Amino acid sequence: MKKFIALGLLLCGMMSNAFAETRYYEVTSGGGQSYCDAVWPGSQYNGVRQGWNNFYFVACMKN
């Protein structure tokens, strides 16, 4: 029964995030919530992804 409830909660969490859109912006410096506000108003900062050379990607997400 506990496994069934845990699976239900997991599926609900996945469905609540199913309509979110994430955009990645290639940068060499900066980032964070202020960067997401500047490039895509109303979005939330969702972390940094490793790029190549000196670049990395800032992830901004909007529901």
PDB file of N, CA and C in Angstrom:
ATOM      1  N   MET A   1       0.827  -1.192   0.000  1.00  0.00           N
ATOM      2  CA  MET A   1       0.000   0.000   0.000  1.00  0.00           C
ATOM      3  C   MET A   1       0.875   1.261   0.000  1.00  0.00           C
ATOM      4  N   LYS A   2       1.951   1.238   0.790  1.00  0.00           N
ATOM      5  CA  LYS A   2       2.841   2.400   0.847  1.00  0.00           C
ATOM      6  C   LYS A   2       3.499   2.652  -0.509  1.00  0.00           C
ATOM      7  N   LYS A   3       3.848   1.579  -1.209  1.00  0.00           N
ATOM      8  CA  LYS A   3       4.464   1.739  -2.529  1.00  0.00           C
ATOM      9  C   LYS A   3       3.477   2.359  -3.516  1.00  0.00           C
ATOM     10  N   PHE A   4       2.211   1.974  -3.413  1.00  0.00           N
ATOM     11  CA  PHE A   4       1.182   2.520  -4.294  1.00  0.00           C
ATOM     12  C   PHE A   4       1.003   4.015  -4.052  1.00  0.00           C
ATOM     13  N   ILE A   5       0.994   4.425  -2.803  1.00  0.00           N
ATOM     14  CA  ILE A   5       0.862   5.849  -2.464  1.00  0.00           C
ATOM     15  C   ILE A   5       2.086   6.621  -2.950  1.00  0.00           C
ATOM     16  N   ALA A   6       3.268   6.055  -2.742  1.00  0.00           N
ATOM     17  CA  ALA A   6       4.493   6.718  -3.194  1.00  0.00           C
ATOM     18  C   ALA A   6       4.506   6.861  -4.716  1.00  0.00           C
ATOM     19  N   LEU A   7       4.056   5.835  -5.421  1.00  0.00           N
ATOM     20  CA  LEU A   7       3.986   5.907  -6.877  1.00  0.00           C
ATOM     21  C   LEU A   7       2.982   6.970  -7.319  1.00  0.00           C
ATOM     22  N   GLY A   8       1.846   7.050  -6.638  1.00  0.00           N
ATOM     23  CA  GLY A   8       0.846   8.068  -6.950  1.00  0.00           C
ATOM     24  C   GLY A   8       1.385   9.472  -6.756  1.00  0.00           C
ATOM     25  N   LEU A   9       2.112   9.692  -5.671  1.00  0.00           N
ATOM     26  CA  LEU A   9       2.706  11.008  -5.420  1.00  0.00           C
ATOM     27  C   LEU A   9       3.759  11.347  -6.467  1.00  0.00           C
ATOM     28  N   LEU A  10       4.537  10.365  -6.855  1.00  0.00           N
ATOM     29  CA  LEU A  10       5.552  10.585  -7.886  1.00  0.00           C
ATOM     30  C   LEU A  10       4.903  10.975  -9.212  1.00  0.00           C
ATOM     31  N   LEU A  11       3.850  10.268  -9.594  1.00  0.00           N
ATOM     32  CA  LEU A  11       3.167  10.577 -10.850  1.00  0.00           C
ATOM     33  C   LEU A  11       2.501  11.947 -10.807  1.00  0.00           C
ATOM     34  N   CYS A  12       1.926  12.311  -9.663  1.00  0.00           N
ATOM     35  CA  CYS A  12       1.324  13.649  -9.526  1.00  0.00           C
ATOM     36  C   CYS A  12       2.391  14.732  -9.665  1.00  0.00           C
ATOM     37  N   GLY A  13       3.545  14.510  -9.084  1.00  0.00           N
ATOM     38  CA  GLY A  13       4.638  15.465  -9.198  1.00  0.00           C
ATOM     39  C   GLY A  13       5.124  15.609 -10.625  1.00  0.00           C
ATOM     40  N   MET A  14       5.177  14.507 -11.343  1.00  0.00           N
ATOM     41  CA  MET A  14       5.606  14.562 -12.736  1.00  0.00           C
ATOM     42  C   MET A  14       4.571  15.279 -13.599  1.00  0.00           C
ATOM     43  N   MET A  15       3.305  15.041 -13.346  1.00  0.00           N
ATOM     44  CA  MET A  15       2.256  15.679 -14.139  1.00  0.00           C
ATOM     45  C   MET A  15       2.166  17.173 -13.855  1.00  0.00           C
ATOM     46  N   SER A  16       2.430  17.579 -12.629  1.00  0.00           N
ATOM     47  CA  SER A  16       2.375  19.009 -12.317  1.00  0.00           C
ATOM     48  C   SER A  16       3.493  19.766 -13.017  1.00  0.00           C
ATOM     49  N   ASN A  17       4.571  19.080 -13.344  1.00  0.00           N
ATOM     50  CA  ASN A  17       5.700  19.702 -14.023  1.00  0.00           C
ATOM     51  C   ASN A  17       5.679  19.434 -15.529  1.00  0.00           C
ATOM     52  N   ALA A  18       4.649  18.743 -16.013  1.00  0.00           N
ATOM     53  CA  ALA A  18       4.600  18.351 -17.417  1.00  0.00           C
ATOM     54  C   ALA A  18       4.412  19.541 -18.349  1.00  0.00           C
ATOM     55  N   PHE A  19       3.830  20.607 -17.871  1.00  0.00           N
ATOM     56  CA  PHE A  19       3.543  21.750 -18.722  1.00  0.00           C
ATOM     57  C   PHE A  19       4.563  22.867 -18.566  1.00  0.00           C
ATOM     58  N   ALA A  20       5.634  22.599 -17.861  1.00  0.00           N
ATOM     59  CA  ALA A  20       6.679  23.606 -17.682  1.00  0.00           C
ATOM     60  C   ALA A  20       7.581  23.633 -18.914  1.00  0.00           C
ATOM     61  N   GLU A  21       8.031  24.817 -19.267  1.00  0.00           N
ATOM     62  CA  GLU A  21       8.958  24.983 -20.384  1.00  0.00           C
ATOM     63  C   GLU A  21      10.287  25.458 -19.823  1.00  0.00           C
ATOM     64  N   THR A  22      11.356  24.837 -20.251  1.00  0.00           N
ATOM     65  CA  THR A  22      12.695  25.228 -19.820  1.00  0.00           C
ATOM     66  C   THR A  22      13.480  25.716 -21.025  1.00  0.00           C
ATOM     67  N   ARG A  23      14.115  26.857 -20.858  1.00  0.00           N
ATOM     68  CA  ARG A  23      14.978  27.407 -21.903  1.00  0.00           C
ATOM     69  C   ARG A  23      16.392  27.507 -21.351  1.00  0.00           C
ATOM     70  N   TYR A  24      17.367  27.217 -22.212  1.00  0.00           N
ATOM     71  CA  TYR A  24      18.771  27.267 -21.832  1.00  0.00           C
ATOM     72  C   TYR A  24      19.443  28.405 -22.581  1.00  0.00           C
ATOM     73  N   TYR A  25      20.176  29.222 -21.837  1.00  0.00           N
ATOM     74  CA  TYR A  25      20.875  30.368 -22.419  1.00  0.00           C
ATOM     75  C   TYR A  25      22.371  30.171 -22.234  1.00  0.00           C
ATOM     76  N   GLU A  26      23.106  30.273 -23.325  1.00  0.00           N
ATOM     77  CA  GLU A  26      24.554  30.085 -23.297  1.00  0.00           C
ATOM     78  C   GLU A  26      25.225  31.369 -22.820  1.00  0.00           C
ATOM     79  N   VAL A  27      26.008  31.268 -21.762  1.00  0.00           N
ATOM     80  CA  VAL A  27      26.680  32.431 -21.187  1.00  0.00           C
ATOM     81  C   VAL A  27      28.113  32.058 -20.822  1.00  0.00           C
ATOM     82  N   THR A  28      28.917  33.089 -20.605  1.00  0.00           N
ATOM     83  CA  THR A  28      30.283  32.862 -20.124  1.00  0.00           C
ATOM     84  C   THR A  28      30.437  33.304 -18.679  1.00  0.00           C
ATOM     85  N   SER A  29      29.574  34.202 -18.223  1.00  0.00           N
ATOM     86  CA  SER A  29      29.605  34.645 -16.827  1.00  0.00           C
ATOM     87  C   SER A  29      28.213  35.118 -16.449  1.00  0.00           C
ATOM     88  N   GLY A  30      27.991  35.267 -15.177  1.00  0.00           N
ATOM     89  CA  GLY A  30      26.679  35.712 -14.710  1.00  0.00           C
ATOM     90  C   GLY A  30      25.734  34.543 -14.516  1.00  0.00           C
ATOM     91  N   GLY A  31      24.456  34.847 -14.508  1.00  0.00           N
ATOM     92  CA  GLY A  31      23.458  33.808 -14.299  1.00  0.00           C
ATOM     93  C   GLY A  31      22.655  34.085 -13.048  1.00  0.00           C
ATOM     94  N   GLY A  32      21.849  33.145 -12.657  1.00  0.00           N
ATOM     95  CA  GLY A  32      21.017  33.295 -11.479  1.00  0.00           C
ATOM     96  C   GLY A  32      19.646  33.863 -11.815  1.00  0.00           C
ATOM     97  N   GLN A  33      18.864  34.103 -10.779  1.00  0.00           N
ATOM     98  CA  GLN A  33      17.493  34.572 -10.954  1.00  0.00           C
ATOM     99  C   GLN A  33      17.425  35.921 -11.663  1.00  0.00           C
ATOM    100  N   SER A  34      18.350  36.807 -11.378  1.00  0.00           N
ATOM    101  CA  SER A  34      18.324  38.121 -12.036  1.00  0.00           C
ATOM    102  C   SER A  34      18.534  37.986 -13.542  1.00  0.00           C
ATOM    103  N   TYR A  35      19.362  37.040 -13.962  1.00  0.00           N
ATOM    104  CA  TYR A  35      19.571  36.815 -15.398  1.00  0.00           C
ATOM    105  C   TYR A  35      18.294  36.290 -16.050  1.00  0.00           C
ATOM    106  N   CYS A  36      17.628  35.340 -15.402  1.00  0.00           N
ATOM    107  CA  CYS A  36      16.377  34.801 -15.950  1.00  0.00           C
ATOM    108  C   CYS A  36      15.308  35.885 -16.034  1.00  0.00           C
ATOM    109  N   ASP A  37      15.251  36.764 -15.038  1.00  0.00           N
ATOM    110  CA  ASP A  37      14.288  37.871 -15.081  1.00  0.00           C
ATOM    111  C   ASP A  37      14.559  38.789 -16.266  1.00  0.00           C
ATOM    112  N   ALA A  38      15.828  38.987 -16.590  1.00  0.00           N
ATOM    113  CA  ALA A  38      16.188  39.899 -17.677  1.00  0.00           C
ATOM    114  C   ALA A  38      15.897  39.302 -19.054  1.00  0.00           C
ATOM    115  N   VAL A  39      16.197  38.017 -19.253  1.00  0.00           N
ATOM    116  CA  VAL A  39      16.047  37.428 -20.585  1.00  0.00           C
ATOM    117  C   VAL A  39      14.662  36.848 -20.839  1.00  0.00           C
ATOM    118  N   TRP A  40      13.973  36.440 -19.770  1.00  0.00           N
ATOM    119  CA  TRP A  40      12.644  35.827 -19.925  1.00  0.00           C
ATOM    120  C   TRP A  40      11.806  36.176 -18.704  1.00  0.00           C
ATOM    121  N   PRO A  41      11.158  37.336 -18.718  1.00  0.00           N
ATOM    122  CA  PRO A  41      10.398  37.800 -17.550  1.00  0.00           C
ATOM    123  C   PRO A  41       9.351  36.779 -17.098  1.00  0.00           C
ATOM    124  N   GLY A  42       9.276  36.592 -15.797  1.00  0.00           N
ATOM    125  CA  GLY A  42       8.318  35.654 -15.219  1.00  0.00           C
ATOM    126  C   GLY A  42       8.839  34.241 -15.064  1.00  0.00           C
ATOM    127  N   SER A  43      10.073  33.997 -15.507  1.00  0.00           N
ATOM    128  CA  SER A  43      10.637  32.655 -15.389  1.00  0.00           C
ATOM    129  C   SER A  43      11.381  32.514 -14.066  1.00  0.00           C
ATOM    130  N   GLN A  44      11.711  31.259 -13.737  1.00  0.00           N
ATOM    131  CA  GLN A  44      12.451  30.958 -12.515  1.00  0.00           C
ATOM    132  C   GLN A  44      13.794  30.334 -12.883  1.00  0.00           C
ATOM    133  N   TYR A  45      14.807  30.686 -12.122  1.00  0.00           N
ATOM    134  CA  TYR A  45      16.144  30.114 -12.304  1.00  0.00           C
ATOM    135  C   TYR A  45      16.087  28.632 -11.966  1.00  0.00           C
ATOM    136  N   ASN A  46      16.638  27.796 -12.844  1.00  0.00           N
ATOM    137  CA  ASN A  46      16.570  26.349 -12.647  1.00  0.00           C
ATOM    138  C   ASN A  46      17.947  25.693 -12.716  1.00  0.00           C
ATOM    139  N   GLY A  47      18.984  26.434 -12.426  1.00  0.00           N
ATOM    140  CA  GLY A  47      20.309  25.844 -12.337  1.00  0.00           C
ATOM    141  C   GLY A  47      21.204  26.129 -13.526  1.00  0.00           C
ATOM    142  N   VAL A  48      22.390  25.538 -13.484  1.00  0.00           N
ATOM    143  CA  VAL A  48      23.423  25.736 -14.502  1.00  0.00           C
ATOM    144  C   VAL A  48      23.786  24.375 -15.073  1.00  0.00           C
ATOM    145  N   ARG A  49      23.985  24.327 -16.379  1.00  0.00           N
ATOM    146  CA  ARG A  49      24.419  23.105 -17.054  1.00  0.00           C
ATOM    147  C   ARG A  49      25.790  23.363 -17.670  1.00  0.00           C
ATOM    148  N   GLN A  50      26.646  22.369 -17.600  1.00  0.00           N
ATOM    149  CA  GLN A  50      27.993  22.500 -18.142  1.00  0.00           C
ATOM    150  C   GLN A  50      27.956  22.560 -19.656  1.00  0.00           C
ATOM    151  N   GLY A  51      28.690  23.507 -20.223  1.00  0.00           N
ATOM    152  CA  GLY A  51      28.804  23.622 -21.676  1.00  0.00           C
ATOM    153  C   GLY A  51      30.173  23.150 -22.123  1.00  0.00           C
ATOM    154  N   TRP A  52      30.743  23.813 -23.098  1.00  0.00           N
ATOM    155  CA  TRP A  52      32.076  23.479 -23.577  1.00  0.00           C
ATOM    156  C   TRP A  52      32.948  24.721 -23.505  1.00  0.00           C
ATOM    157  N   ASN A  53      34.230  24.506 -23.440  1.00  0.00           N
ATOM    158  CA  ASN A  53      35.209  25.586 -23.283  1.00  0.00           C
ATOM    159  C   ASN A  53      34.834  26.481 -22.103  1.00  0.00           C
ATOM    160  N   ASN A  54      34.675  27.781 -22.338  1.00  0.00           N
ATOM    161  CA  ASN A  54      34.357  28.722 -21.260  1.00  0.00           C
ATOM    162  C   ASN A  54      32.858  28.900 -21.078  1.00  0.00           C
ATOM    163  N   PHE A  55      32.053  28.193 -21.828  1.00  0.00           N
ATOM    164  CA  PHE A  55      30.614  28.418 -21.821  1.00  0.00           C
ATOM    165  C   PHE A  55      29.891  27.465 -20.879  1.00  0.00           C
ATOM    166  N   TYR A  56      28.778  27.937 -20.365  1.00  0.00           N
ATOM    167  CA  TYR A  56      27.843  27.075 -19.667  1.00  0.00           C
ATOM    168  C   TYR A  56      26.443  27.583 -19.959  1.00  0.00           C
ATOM    169  N   PHE A  57      25.444  26.811 -19.575  1.00  0.00           N
ATOM    170  CA  PHE A  57      24.064  27.135 -19.896  1.00  0.00           C
ATOM    171  C   PHE A  57      23.280  27.417 -18.626  1.00  0.00           C
ATOM    172  N   VAL A  58      22.590  28.537 -18.607  1.00  0.00           N
ATOM    173  CA  VAL A  58      21.700  28.885 -17.510  1.00  0.00           C
ATOM    174  C   VAL A  58      20.313  28.396 -17.902  1.00  0.00           C
ATOM    175  N   ALA A  59      19.677  27.630 -17.029  1.00  0.00           N
ATOM    176  CA  ALA A  59      18.341  27.101 -17.302  1.00  0.00           C
ATOM    177  C   ALA A  59      17.302  27.979 -16.617  1.00  0.00           C
ATOM    178  N   CYS A  60      16.342  28.473 -17.404  1.00  0.00           N
ATOM    179  CA  CYS A  60      15.224  29.261 -16.891  1.00  0.00           C
ATOM    180  C   CYS A  60      13.943  28.498 -17.206  1.00  0.00           C
ATOM    181  N   MET A  61      13.046  28.385 -16.222  1.00  0.00           N
ATOM    182  CA  MET A  61      11.844  27.582 -16.373  1.00  0.00           C
ATOM    183  C   MET A  61      10.612  28.431 -16.100  1.00  0.00           C
ATOM    184  N   LYS A  62       9.576  28.220 -16.907  1.00  0.00           N
ATOM    185  CA  LYS A  62       8.306  28.917 -16.698  1.00  0.00           C
ATOM    186  C   LYS A  62       7.185  27.899 -16.823  1.00  0.00           C
ATOM    187  N   ASN A  63       6.245  27.947 -15.875  1.00  0.00           N
ATOM    188  CA  ASN A  63       5.086  27.036 -15.921  1.00  0.00           C
ATOM    189  C   ASN A  63       4.017  27.578 -16.808  1.00  0.00           C
TER     190      ASN A  63
END
